[in-house]
All heavy atoms as atom14 arrays in JSON, in Angstrom:
{
  "sequence": "ARGVELSATASPNRMLDLFVSYTFTNSDQRTPQVADSGIITSLVIPDH",
  "atom14_mask": [
    [1, 1, 1, 1, 1, 0, 0, 0, 0, 0, 0, 0, 0, 0],
    [1, 1, 1, 1, 1, 1, 1, 1, 1, 1, 1, 0, 0, 0],
    [1, 1, 1, 1, 0, 0, 0, 0, 0, 0, 0, 0, 0, 0],
    [1, 1, 1, 1, 1, 1, 1, 0, 0, 0, 0, 0, 0, 0],
    [1, 1, 1, 1, 1, 1, 1, 1, 1, 0, 0, 0, 0, 0],
    [1, 1, 1, 1, 1, 1, 1, 1, 0, 0, 0, 0, 0, 0],
    [1, 1, 1, 1, 1, 1, 0, 0, 0, 0, 0, 0, 0, 0],
    [1, 1, 1, 1, 1, 0, 0, 0, 0, 0, 0, 0, 0, 0],
    [1, 1, 1, 1, 1, 1, 1, 0, 0, 0, 0, 0, 0, 0],
    [1, 1, 1, 1, 1, 0, 0, 0, 0, 0, 0, 0, 0, 0],
    [1, 1, 1, 1, 1, 1, 0, 0, 0, 0, 0, 0, 0, 0],
    [1, 1, 1, 1, 1, 1, 1, 0, 0, 0, 0, 0, 0, 0],
    [1, 1, 1, 1, 1, 1, 1, 1, 0, 0, 0, 0, 0, 0],
    [1, 1, 1, 1, 1, 1, 1, 1, 1, 1, 1, 0, 0, 0],
    [1, 1, 1, 1, 1, 1, 1, 1, 0, 0, 0, 0, 0, 0],
    [1, 1, 1, 1, 1, 1, 1, 1, 0, 0, 0, 0, 0, 0],
    [1, 1, 1, 1, 1, 1, 1, 1, 0, 0, 0, 0, 0, 0],
    [1, 1, 1, 1, 1, 1, 1, 1, 0, 0, 0, 0, 0, 0],
    [1, 1, 1, 1, 1, 1, 1, 1, 1, 1, 1, 0, 0, 0],
    [1, 1, 1, 1, 1, 1, 1, 0, 0, 0, 0, 0, 0, 0],
    [1, 1, 1, 1, 1, 1, 0, 0, 0, 0, 0, 0, 0, 0],
    [1, 1, 1, 1, 1, 1, 1, 1, 1, 1, 1, 1, 0, 0],
    [1, 1, 1, 1, 1, 1, 1, 0, 0, 0, 0, 0, 0, 0],
    [1, 1, 1, 1, 1, 1, 1, 1, 1, 1, 1, 0, 0, 0],
    [1, 1, 1, 1, 1, 1, 1, 0, 0, 0, 0, 0, 0, 0],
    [1, 1, 1, 1, 1, 1, 1, 1, 0, 0, 0, 0, 0, 0],
    [1, 1, 1, 1, 1, 1, 0, 0, 0, 0, 0, 0, 0, 0],
    [1, 1, 1, 1, 1, 1, 1, 1, 0, 0, 0, 0, 0, 0],
    [1, 1, 1, 1, 1, 1, 1, 1, 1, 0, 0, 0, 0, 0],
    [1, 1, 1, 1, 1, 1, 1, 1, 1, 1, 1, 0, 0, 0],
    [1, 1, 1, 1, 1, 1, 1, 0, 0, 0, 0, 0, 0, 0],
    [1, 1, 1, 1, 1, 1, 1, 0, 0, 0, 0, 0, 0, 0],
    [1, 1, 1, 1, 1, 1, 1, 1, 1, 0, 0, 0, 0, 0],
    [1, 1, 1, 1, 1, 1, 1, 0, 0, 0, 0, 0, 0, 0],
    [1, 1, 1, 1, 1, 0, 0, 0, 0, 0, 0, 0, 0, 0],
    [1, 1, 1, 1, 1, 1, 1, 1, 0, 0, 0, 0, 0, 0],
    [1, 1, 1, 1, 1, 1, 0, 0, 0, 0, 0, 0, 0, 0],
    [1, 1, 1, 1, 0, 0, 0, 0, 0, 0, 0, 0, 0, 0],
    [1, 1, 1, 1, 1, 1, 1, 1, 0, 0, 0, 0, 0, 0],
    [1, 1, 1, 1, 1, 1, 1, 1, 0, 0, 0, 0, 0, 0],
    [1, 1, 1, 1, 1, 1, 1, 0, 0, 0, 0, 0, 0, 0],
    [1, 1, 1, 1, 1, 1, 0, 0, 0, 0, 0, 0, 0, 0],
    [1, 1, 1, 1, 1, 1, 1, 1, 0, 0, 0, 0, 0, 0],
    [1, 1, 1, 1, 1, 1, 1, 0, 0, 0, 0, 0, 0, 0],
    [1, 1, 1, 1, 1, 1, 1, 1, 0, 0, 0, 0, 0, 0],
    [1, 1, 1, 1, 1, 1, 1, 0, 0, 0, 0, 0, 0, 0],
    [1, 1, 1, 1, 1, 1, 1, 1, 0, 0, 0, 0, 0, 0],
    [1, 1, 1, 1, 1, 1, 1, 1, 1, 1, 0, 0, 0, 0]
  ],
  "atom14_positions": [
    [[1.45, -6.49, -7.4], [0.56, -5.3, -7.36], [-0.76, -5.73, -7.91], [-0.9, -6.23, -9.06], [1.14, -4.12, -8.15], [0.0, 0.0, 0.0], [0.0, 0.0, 0.0], [0.0, 0.0, 0.0], [0.0, 0.0, 0.0], [0.0, 0.0, 0.0], [0.0, 0.0, 0.0], [0.0, 0.0, 0.0], [0.0, 0.0, 0.0], [0.0, 0.0, 0.0]],
    [[-1.89, -5.64, -7.1], [-3.17, -5.98, -7.58], [-4.19, -5.06, -6.98], [-3.9, -4.47, -5.95], [-3.6, -7.45, -7.25], [-3.53, -7.76, -5.75], [-2.14, -8.13, -5.29], [-2.13, -8.8, -3.97], [-1.14, -8.82, -3.16], [0.05, -8.27, -3.46], [-1.12, -9.43, -2.04], [0.0, 0.0, 0.0], [0.0, 0.0, 0.0], [0.0, 0.0, 0.0]],
    [[-5.23, -4.87, -7.65], [-6.26, -3.92, -7.19], [-7.37, -3.72, -8.17], [-7.58, -4.47, -9.13], [0.0, 0.0, 0.0], [0.0, 0.0, 0.0], [0.0, 0.0, 0.0], [0.0, 0.0, 0.0], [0.0, 0.0, 0.0], [0.0, 0.0, 0.0], [0.0, 0.0, 0.0], [0.0, 0.0, 0.0], [0.0, 0.0, 0.0], [0.0, 0.0, 0.0]],
    [[-8.07, -2.64, -7.9], [-9.32, -2.37, -8.7], [-9.32, -0.85, -9.03], [-8.91, 0.01, -8.22], [-10.56, -2.67, -7.91], [-11.8, -2.2, -8.64], [-10.65, -4.15, -7.53], [0.0, 0.0, 0.0], [0.0, 0.0, 0.0], [0.0, 0.0, 0.0], [0.0, 0.0, 0.0], [0.0, 0.0, 0.0], [0.0, 0.0, 0.0], [0.0, 0.0, 0.0]],
    [[-9.75, -0.57, -10.26], [-9.91, 0.8, -10.76], [-11.32, 0.98, -11.18], [-11.87, 0.24, -12.05], [-8.95, 1.15, -11.81], [-9.09, 2.64, -12.26], [-8.02, 3.0, -13.33], [-8.26, 2.75, -14.49], [-7.0, 3.58, -12.95], [0.0, 0.0, 0.0], [0.0, 0.0, 0.0], [0.0, 0.0, 0.0], [0.0, 0.0, 0.0], [0.0, 0.0, 0.0]],
    [[-12.04, 2.09, -10.63], [-13.36, 2.43, -11.09], [-13.36, 3.78, -11.61], [-12.65, 4.71, -11.06], [-14.29, 2.42, -9.83], [-14.34, 1.14, -8.98], [-15.14, 1.28, -7.74], [-14.79, -0.06, -9.78], [0.0, 0.0, 0.0], [0.0, 0.0, 0.0], [0.0, 0.0, 0.0], [0.0, 0.0, 0.0], [0.0, 0.0, 0.0], [0.0, 0.0, 0.0]],
    [[-14.03, 4.02, -12.73], [-14.08, 5.33, -13.34], [-15.41, 5.63, -14.0], [-16.17, 4.69, -14.31], [-12.9, 5.43, -14.44], [-13.16, 4.6, -15.53], [0.0, 0.0, 0.0], [0.0, 0.0, 0.0], [0.0, 0.0, 0.0], [0.0, 0.0, 0.0], [0.0, 0.0, 0.0], [0.0, 0.0, 0.0], [0.0, 0.0, 0.0], [0.0, 0.0, 0.0]],
    [[-15.65, 6.87, -14.22], [-16.86, 7.34, -14.86], [-16.52, 8.54, -15.64], [-15.84, 9.45, -15.26], [-17.99, 7.67, -13.86], [0.0, 0.0, 0.0], [0.0, 0.0, 0.0], [0.0, 0.0, 0.0], [0.0, 0.0, 0.0], [0.0, 0.0, 0.0], [0.0, 0.0, 0.0], [0.0, 0.0, 0.0], [0.0, 0.0, 0.0], [0.0, 0.0, 0.0]],
    [[-17.07, 8.58, -16.9], [-16.9, 9.7, -17.83], [-18.3, 10.23, -18.27], [-19.09, 9.38, -18.69], [-16.05, 9.27, -19.02], [-14.84, 8.88, -18.61], [-15.85, 10.52, -19.99], [0.0, 0.0, 0.0], [0.0, 0.0, 0.0], [0.0, 0.0, 0.0], [0.0, 0.0, 0.0], [0.0, 0.0, 0.0], [0.0, 0.0, 0.0], [0.0, 0.0, 0.0]],
    [[-18.57, 11.45, -18.04], [-19.87, 11.99, -18.45], [-19.79, 13.2, -19.22], [-18.79, 14.05, -19.05], [-20.66, 12.29, -17.11], [0.0, 0.0, 0.0], [0.0, 0.0, 0.0], [0.0, 0.0, 0.0], [0.0, 0.0, 0.0], [0.0, 0.0, 0.0], [0.0, 0.0, 0.0], [0.0, 0.0, 0.0], [0.0, 0.0, 0.0], [0.0, 0.0, 0.0]],
    [[-20.67, 13.43, -20.15], [-20.76, 14.57, -20.99], [-22.22, 15.09, -20.92], [-23.05, 14.81, -21.79], [-20.39, 14.36, -22.42], [-18.98, 13.88, -22.48], [0.0, 0.0, 0.0], [0.0, 0.0, 0.0], [0.0, 0.0, 0.0], [0.0, 0.0, 0.0], [0.0, 0.0, 0.0], [0.0, 0.0, 0.0], [0.0, 0.0, 0.0], [0.0, 0.0, 0.0]],
    [[-22.61, 15.85, -19.87], [-24.01, 16.3, -19.71], [-24.5, 17.11, -20.9], [-25.67, 17.02, -21.29], [-23.93, 17.12, -18.43], [-22.75, 16.62, -17.74], [-21.79, 16.27, -18.75], [0.0, 0.0, 0.0], [0.0, 0.0, 0.0], [0.0, 0.0, 0.0], [0.0, 0.0, 0.0], [0.0, 0.0, 0.0], [0.0, 0.0, 0.0], [0.0, 0.0, 0.0]],
    [[-23.55, 17.85, -21.48], [-23.9, 18.58, -22.72], [-22.56, 18.72, -23.52], [-21.51, 18.26, -23.09], [-24.46, 19.99, -22.46], [-23.56, 20.81, -21.55], [-22.39, 21.04, -21.84], [-24.05, 21.13, -20.29], [0.0, 0.0, 0.0], [0.0, 0.0, 0.0], [0.0, 0.0, 0.0], [0.0, 0.0, 0.0], [0.0, 0.0, 0.0], [0.0, 0.0, 0.0]],
    [[-22.65, 19.27, -24.73], [-21.5, 19.26, -25.63], [-20.44, 20.22, -25.16], [-19.3, 20.28, -25.69], [-21.94, 19.63, -27.0], [-22.58, 21.02, -27.14], [-23.11, 21.2, -28.59], [-23.58, 22.57, -28.82], [-22.8, 23.59, -29.18], [-21.52, 23.42, -29.45], [-23.34, 24.77, -29.32], [0.0, 0.0, 0.0], [0.0, 0.0, 0.0], [0.0, 0.0, 0.0]],
    [[-20.69, 21.04, -24.16], [-19.72, 22.03, -23.65], [-18.99, 21.56, -22.38], [-18.06, 22.23, -21.95], [-20.39, 23.36, -23.38], [-21.19, 23.89, -24.61], [-20.12, 24.13, -26.08], [-19.22, 25.61, -25.55], [0.0, 0.0, 0.0], [0.0, 0.0, 0.0], [0.0, 0.0, 0.0], [0.0, 0.0, 0.0], [0.0, 0.0, 0.0], [0.0, 0.0, 0.0]],
    [[-19.44, 20.49, -21.74], [-18.95, 20.06, -20.47], [-18.59, 18.59, -20.45], [-19.35, 17.71, -20.9], [-19.95, 20.34, -19.32], [-19.62, 19.9, -17.94], [-18.44, 20.69, -17.47], [-20.76, 20.08, -17.0], [0.0, 0.0, 0.0], [0.0, 0.0, 0.0], [0.0, 0.0, 0.0], [0.0, 0.0, 0.0], [0.0, 0.0, 0.0], [0.0, 0.0, 0.0]],
    [[-17.37, 18.28, -19.98], [-16.86, 16.93, -19.85], [-16.4, 16.66, -18.43], [-15.73, 17.53, -17.83], [-15.69, 16.65, -20.76], [-16.14, 16.68, -22.22], [-17.25, 16.24, -22.58], [-15.29, 17.15, -23.01], [0.0, 0.0, 0.0], [0.0, 0.0, 0.0], [0.0, 0.0, 0.0], [0.0, 0.0, 0.0], [0.0, 0.0, 0.0], [0.0, 0.0, 0.0]],
    [[-16.84, 15.58, -17.87], [-16.48, 15.24, -16.44], [-15.85, 13.86, -16.44], [-16.2, 12.93, -17.15], [-17.74, 15.23, -15.55], [-18.67, 16.48, -15.57], [-19.87, 16.21, -14.77], [-17.87, 17.63, -14.92], [0.0, 0.0, 0.0], [0.0, 0.0, 0.0], [0.0, 0.0, 0.0], [0.0, 0.0, 0.0], [0.0, 0.0, 0.0], [0.0, 0.0, 0.0]],
    [[-14.86, 13.71, -15.58], [-14.11, 12.39, -15.46], [-13.8, 12.27, -13.96], [-13.23, 13.15, -13.35], [-12.86, 12.29, -16.3], [-12.02, 11.1, -16.02], [-12.42, 9.85, -16.57], [-10.95, 11.19, -15.21], [-11.7, 8.72, -16.29], [-10.13, 10.06, -14.91], [-10.55, 8.81, -15.43], [0.0, 0.0, 0.0], [0.0, 0.0, 0.0], [0.0, 0.0, 0.0]],
    [[-14.03, 11.07, -13.48], [-13.61, 10.77, -12.06], [-13.19, 9.34, -11.97], [-13.78, 8.47, -12.68], [-14.8, 11.06, -11.1], [-15.98, 10.21, -11.34], [-14.26, 10.85, -9.62], [0.0, 0.0, 0.0], [0.0, 0.0, 0.0], [0.0, 0.0, 0.0], [0.0, 0.0, 0.0], [0.0, 0.0, 0.0], [0.0, 0.0, 0.0], [0.0, 0.0, 0.0]],
    [[-12.18, 9.03, -11.23], [-11.69, 7.67, -11.05], [-11.16, 7.38, -9.66], [-10.69, 8.4, -9.0], [-10.54, 7.39, -12.1], [-9.38, 8.07, -11.74], [0.0, 0.0, 0.0], [0.0, 0.0, 0.0], [0.0, 0.0, 0.0], [0.0, 0.0, 0.0], [0.0, 0.0, 0.0], [0.0, 0.0, 0.0], [0.0, 0.0, 0.0], [0.0, 0.0, 0.0]],
    [[-11.28, 6.18, -9.21], [-10.77, 5.74, -7.95], [-9.97, 4.45, -8.14], [-10.45, 3.55, -8.88], [-11.86, 5.47, -6.95], [-11.44, 4.7, -5.75], [-10.71, 5.24, -4.74], [-11.74, 3.32, -5.63], [-10.27, 4.55, -3.61], [-11.24, 2.54, -4.58], [-10.5, 3.19, -3.59], [-10.12, 2.48, -2.47], [0.0, 0.0, 0.0], [0.0, 0.0, 0.0]],
    [[-8.85, 4.41, -7.57], [-7.92, 3.22, -7.71], [-7.48, 2.72, -6.37], [-6.98, 3.51, -5.55], [-6.65, 3.53, -8.56], [-7.03, 4.09, -9.82], [-5.83, 2.35, -8.73], [0.0, 0.0, 0.0], [0.0, 0.0, 0.0], [0.0, 0.0, 0.0], [0.0, 0.0, 0.0], [0.0, 0.0, 0.0], [0.0, 0.0, 0.0], [0.0, 0.0, 0.0]],
    [[-7.71, 1.48, -6.09], [-7.17, 0.8, -4.89], [-6.03, -0.15, -5.34], [-6.23, -0.96, -6.21], [-8.31, -0.03, -4.23], [-7.67, -0.98, -3.11], [-7.25, -0.5, -1.91], [-7.64, -2.35, -3.37], [-6.69, -1.31, -0.99], [-7.11, -3.19, -2.43], [-6.65, -2.67, -1.24], [0.0, 0.0, 0.0], [0.0, 0.0, 0.0], [0.0, 0.0, 0.0]],
    [[-4.92, -0.01, -4.7], [-3.75, -0.78, -5.05], [-3.19, -1.43, -3.8], [-2.89, -0.8, -2.84], [-2.59, 0.09, -5.72], [-3.15, 0.77, -6.85], [-1.47, -0.82, -6.14], [0.0, 0.0, 0.0], [0.0, 0.0, 0.0], [0.0, 0.0, 0.0], [0.0, 0.0, 0.0], [0.0, 0.0, 0.0], [0.0, 0.0, 0.0], [0.0, 0.0, 0.0]],
    [[-3.04, -2.8, -3.88], [-2.36, -3.58, -2.86], [-1.04, -4.09, -3.44], [-1.03, -4.99, -4.2], [-3.28, -4.7, -2.44], [-2.61, -5.57, -1.33], [-1.58, -5.15, -0.75], [-3.21, -6.7, -0.98], [0.0, 0.0, 0.0], [0.0, 0.0, 0.0], [0.0, 0.0, 0.0], [0.0, 0.0, 0.0], [0.0, 0.0, 0.0], [0.0, 0.0, 0.0]],
    [[0.08, -3.35, -3.0], [1.34, -3.67, -3.65], [2.33, -4.1, -2.55], [2.47, -3.39, -1.56], [1.84, -2.4, -4.31], [3.11, -2.65, -4.95], [0.0, 0.0, 0.0], [0.0, 0.0, 0.0], [0.0, 0.0, 0.0], [0.0, 0.0, 0.0], [0.0, 0.0, 0.0], [0.0, 0.0, 0.0], [0.0, 0.0, 0.0], [0.0, 0.0, 0.0]],
    [[2.94, -5.27, -2.75], [3.89, -5.83, -1.76], [5.16, -6.23, -2.44], [5.2, -6.63, -3.61], [3.28, -7.05, -1.04], [2.11, -6.62, -0.2], [2.14, -5.6, 0.51], [1.03, -7.35, -0.27], [0.0, 0.0, 0.0], [0.0, 0.0, 0.0], [0.0, 0.0, 0.0], [0.0, 0.0, 0.0], [0.0, 0.0, 0.0], [0.0, 0.0, 0.0]],
    [[6.28, -6.18, -1.7], [7.57, -6.64, -2.2], [7.86, -8.03, -1.63], [7.37, -8.37, -0.55], [8.7, -5.72, -1.75], [8.49, -4.2, -2.22], [8.67, -4.1, -3.69], [7.85, -3.41, -4.36], [9.69, -4.64, -4.25], [0.0, 0.0, 0.0], [0.0, 0.0, 0.0], [0.0, 0.0, 0.0], [0.0, 0.0, 0.0], [0.0, 0.0, 0.0]],
    [[8.64, -8.8, -2.3], [9.05, -10.09, -1.81], [10.03, -9.93, -0.64], [10.03, -10.72, 0.32], [9.73, -10.87, -2.92], [8.8, -11.39, -3.97], [9.54, -12.3, -4.95], [8.67, -12.82, -5.94], [9.07, -13.67, -6.94], [10.35, -14.07, -6.96], [8.23, -14.11, -7.83], [0.0, 0.0, 0.0], [0.0, 0.0, 0.0], [0.0, 0.0, 0.0]],
    [[10.87, -8.92, -0.75], [11.87, -8.64, 0.35], [11.66, -7.17, 0.75], [11.37, -6.28, -0.18], [13.29, -8.95, 0.0], [13.63, -8.17, -1.19], [13.47, -10.4, -0.29], [0.0, 0.0, 0.0], [0.0, 0.0, 0.0], [0.0, 0.0, 0.0], [0.0, 0.0, 0.0], [0.0, 0.0, 0.0], [0.0, 0.0, 0.0], [0.0, 0.0, 0.0]],
    [[11.94, -6.79, 1.95], [11.79, -5.33, 2.32], [12.71, -4.47, 1.46], [13.85, -4.79, 1.22], [12.18, -5.37, 3.83], [11.94, -6.74, 4.32], [12.23, -7.65, 3.15], [0.0, 0.0, 0.0], [0.0, 0.0, 0.0], [0.0, 0.0, 0.0], [0.0, 0.0, 0.0], [0.0, 0.0, 0.0], [0.0, 0.0, 0.0], [0.0, 0.0, 0.0]],
    [[12.18, -3.32, 1.06], [13.05, -2.38, 0.32], [14.06, -1.71, 1.17], [15.1, -1.23, 0.66], [12.16, -1.31, -0.39], [11.29, -1.87, -1.44], [10.35, -0.78, -2.04], [9.18, -0.65, -1.68], [10.87, -0.06, -3.0], [0.0, 0.0, 0.0], [0.0, 0.0, 0.0], [0.0, 0.0, 0.0], [0.0, 0.0, 0.0], [0.0, 0.0, 0.0]],
    [[13.86, -1.64, 2.5], [14.88, -1.18, 3.42], [15.16, -2.3, 4.37], [14.31, -2.85, 5.0], [14.34, 0.12, 4.21], [15.33, 0.49, 5.32], [14.06, 1.22, 3.29], [0.0, 0.0, 0.0], [0.0, 0.0, 0.0], [0.0, 0.0, 0.0], [0.0, 0.0, 0.0], [0.0, 0.0, 0.0], [0.0, 0.0, 0.0], [0.0, 0.0, 0.0]],
    [[16.48, -2.65, 4.4], [16.94, -3.87, 5.16], [16.53, -3.69, 6.57], [16.53, -2.64, 7.25], [18.45, -3.98, 4.96], [0.0, 0.0, 0.0], [0.0, 0.0, 0.0], [0.0, 0.0, 0.0], [0.0, 0.0, 0.0], [0.0, 0.0, 0.0], [0.0, 0.0, 0.0], [0.0, 0.0, 0.0], [0.0, 0.0, 0.0], [0.0, 0.0, 0.0]],
    [[16.15, -4.84, 7.19], [15.83, -4.99, 8.58], [14.62, -4.15, 9.05], [14.37, -4.05, 10.23], [17.0, -4.51, 9.48], [18.35, -5.31, 9.24], [18.11, -6.56, 8.89], [19.37, -4.81, 9.25], [0.0, 0.0, 0.0], [0.0, 0.0, 0.0], [0.0, 0.0, 0.0], [0.0, 0.0, 0.0], [0.0, 0.0, 0.0], [0.0, 0.0, 0.0]],
    [[13.86, -3.63, 8.06], [12.62, -2.88, 8.45], [11.45, -3.76, 8.67], [10.51, -3.47, 9.42], [12.26, -1.88, 7.32], [11.91, -2.54, 6.12], [0.0, 0.0, 0.0], [0.0, 0.0, 0.0], [0.0, 0.0, 0.0], [0.0, 0.0, 0.0], [0.0, 0.0, 0.0], [0.0, 0.0, 0.0], [0.0, 0.0, 0.0], [0.0, 0.0, 0.0]],
    [[11.42, -5.0, 8.0], [10.31, -5.9, 8.12], [9.08, -5.46, 7.36], [8.08, -6.08, 7.44], [0.0, 0.0, 0.0], [0.0, 0.0, 0.0], [0.0, 0.0, 0.0], [0.0, 0.0, 0.0], [0.0, 0.0, 0.0], [0.0, 0.0, 0.0], [0.0, 0.0, 0.0], [0.0, 0.0, 0.0], [0.0, 0.0, 0.0], [0.0, 0.0, 0.0]],
    [[9.2, -4.36, 6.63], [8.06, -3.83, 5.9], [8.14, -4.26, 4.5], [9.08, -3.91, 3.7], [8.06, -2.25, 5.97], [7.9, -1.87, 7.41], [6.86, -1.65, 5.1], [7.87, -0.32, 7.53], [0.0, 0.0, 0.0], [0.0, 0.0, 0.0], [0.0, 0.0, 0.0], [0.0, 0.0, 0.0], [0.0, 0.0, 0.0], [0.0, 0.0, 0.0]],
    [[7.17, -5.03, 4.04], [7.16, -5.61, 2.62], [6.19, -4.82, 1.79], [6.17, -4.94, 0.56], [6.78, -7.03, 2.58], [5.35, -7.29, 3.14], [7.78, -7.9, 3.36], [4.84, -8.69, 2.89], [0.0, 0.0, 0.0], [0.0, 0.0, 0.0], [0.0, 0.0, 0.0], [0.0, 0.0, 0.0], [0.0, 0.0, 0.0], [0.0, 0.0, 0.0]],
    [[5.42, -3.87, 2.36], [4.56, -2.99, 1.57], [5.45, -2.11, 0.67], [6.39, -1.56, 1.1], [3.72, -2.12, 2.45], [2.85, -2.93, 3.27], [2.81, -1.21, 1.62], [0.0, 0.0, 0.0], [0.0, 0.0, 0.0], [0.0, 0.0, 0.0], [0.0, 0.0, 0.0], [0.0, 0.0, 0.0], [0.0, 0.0, 0.0], [0.0, 0.0, 0.0]],
    [[5.06, -2.06, -0.64], [5.83, -1.19, -1.59], [5.82, 0.23, -1.11], [4.76, 0.78, -0.79], [5.28, -1.34, -2.98], [5.34, -2.69, -3.45], [0.0, 0.0, 0.0], [0.0, 0.0, 0.0], [0.0, 0.0, 0.0], [0.0, 0.0, 0.0], [0.0, 0.0, 0.0], [0.0, 0.0, 0.0], [0.0, 0.0, 0.0], [0.0, 0.0, 0.0]],
    [[6.9, 0.86, -1.09], [7.04, 2.22, -0.62], [6.71, 3.19, -1.73], [6.82, 2.9, -2.89], [8.53, 2.48, -0.16], [9.04, 1.55, 0.94], [10.4, 1.89, 1.3], [8.14, 1.48, 2.16], [0.0, 0.0, 0.0], [0.0, 0.0, 0.0], [0.0, 0.0, 0.0], [0.0, 0.0, 0.0], [0.0, 0.0, 0.0], [0.0, 0.0, 0.0]],
    [[6.24, 4.39, -1.33], [5.87, 5.46, -2.19], [4.6, 5.2, -3.02], [4.2, 6.09, -3.83], [7.04, 5.87, -3.16], [6.81, 7.25, -3.72], [8.38, 5.88, -2.38], [0.0, 0.0, 0.0], [0.0, 0.0, 0.0], [0.0, 0.0, 0.0], [0.0, 0.0, 0.0], [0.0, 0.0, 0.0], [0.0, 0.0, 0.0], [0.0, 0.0, 0.0]],
    [[3.97, 4.07, -2.79], [2.74, 3.77, -3.56], [1.58, 3.82, -2.58], [1.44, 2.93, -1.73], [2.84, 2.36, -4.23], [3.98, 2.36, -5.21], [1.51, 2.06, -4.96], [4.18, 0.97, -5.9], [0.0, 0.0, 0.0], [0.0, 0.0, 0.0], [0.0, 0.0, 0.0], [0.0, 0.0, 0.0], [0.0, 0.0, 0.0], [0.0, 0.0, 0.0]],
    [[0.68, 4.82, -2.68], [-0.46, 4.88, -1.76], [-1.44, 3.78, -2.13], [-1.63, 3.3, -3.27], [-1.08, 6.26, -2.05], [-0.61, 6.63, -3.42], [0.75, 5.94, -3.6], [0.0, 0.0, 0.0], [0.0, 0.0, 0.0], [0.0, 0.0, 0.0], [0.0, 0.0, 0.0], [0.0, 0.0, 0.0], [0.0, 0.0, 0.0], [0.0, 0.0, 0.0]],
    [[-2.25, 3.34, -1.12], [-3.26, 2.32, -1.37], [-4.48, 2.89, -2.07], [-5.12, 2.18, -2.91], [-3.74, 1.74, 0.04], [-2.67, 0.93, 0.69], [-1.69, 0.54, 0.03], [-2.72, 0.81, 1.92], [0.0, 0.0, 0.0], [0.0, 0.0, 0.0], [0.0, 0.0, 0.0], [0.0, 0.0, 0.0], [0.0, 0.0, 0.0], [0.0, 0.0, 0.0]],
    [[-4.8, 4.12, -1.82], [-6.0, 4.71, -2.44], [-5.7, 5.99, -3.17], [-4.86, 6.84, -2.7], [-7.07, 5.06, -1.33], [-7.32, 3.94, -0.44], [-8.35, 2.96, -0.75], [-6.85, 3.57, 0.78], [-8.38, 2.08, 0.22], [-7.48, 2.41, 1.15], [0.0, 0.0, 0.0], [0.0, 0.0, 0.0], [0.0, 0.0, 0.0], [0.0, 0.0, 0.0]]
  ]
}
């Protein structure tokens, strides 16, 4: 599993807090999680 995470935290004033993040994940298995599928991409893990 390898990728990049970008985030920003802002406090425009003492009453407001903002947080945003983006994560890209490239996750692969050595062997398919479902036999004979030929799919090595890790299941249930979104790329973005």
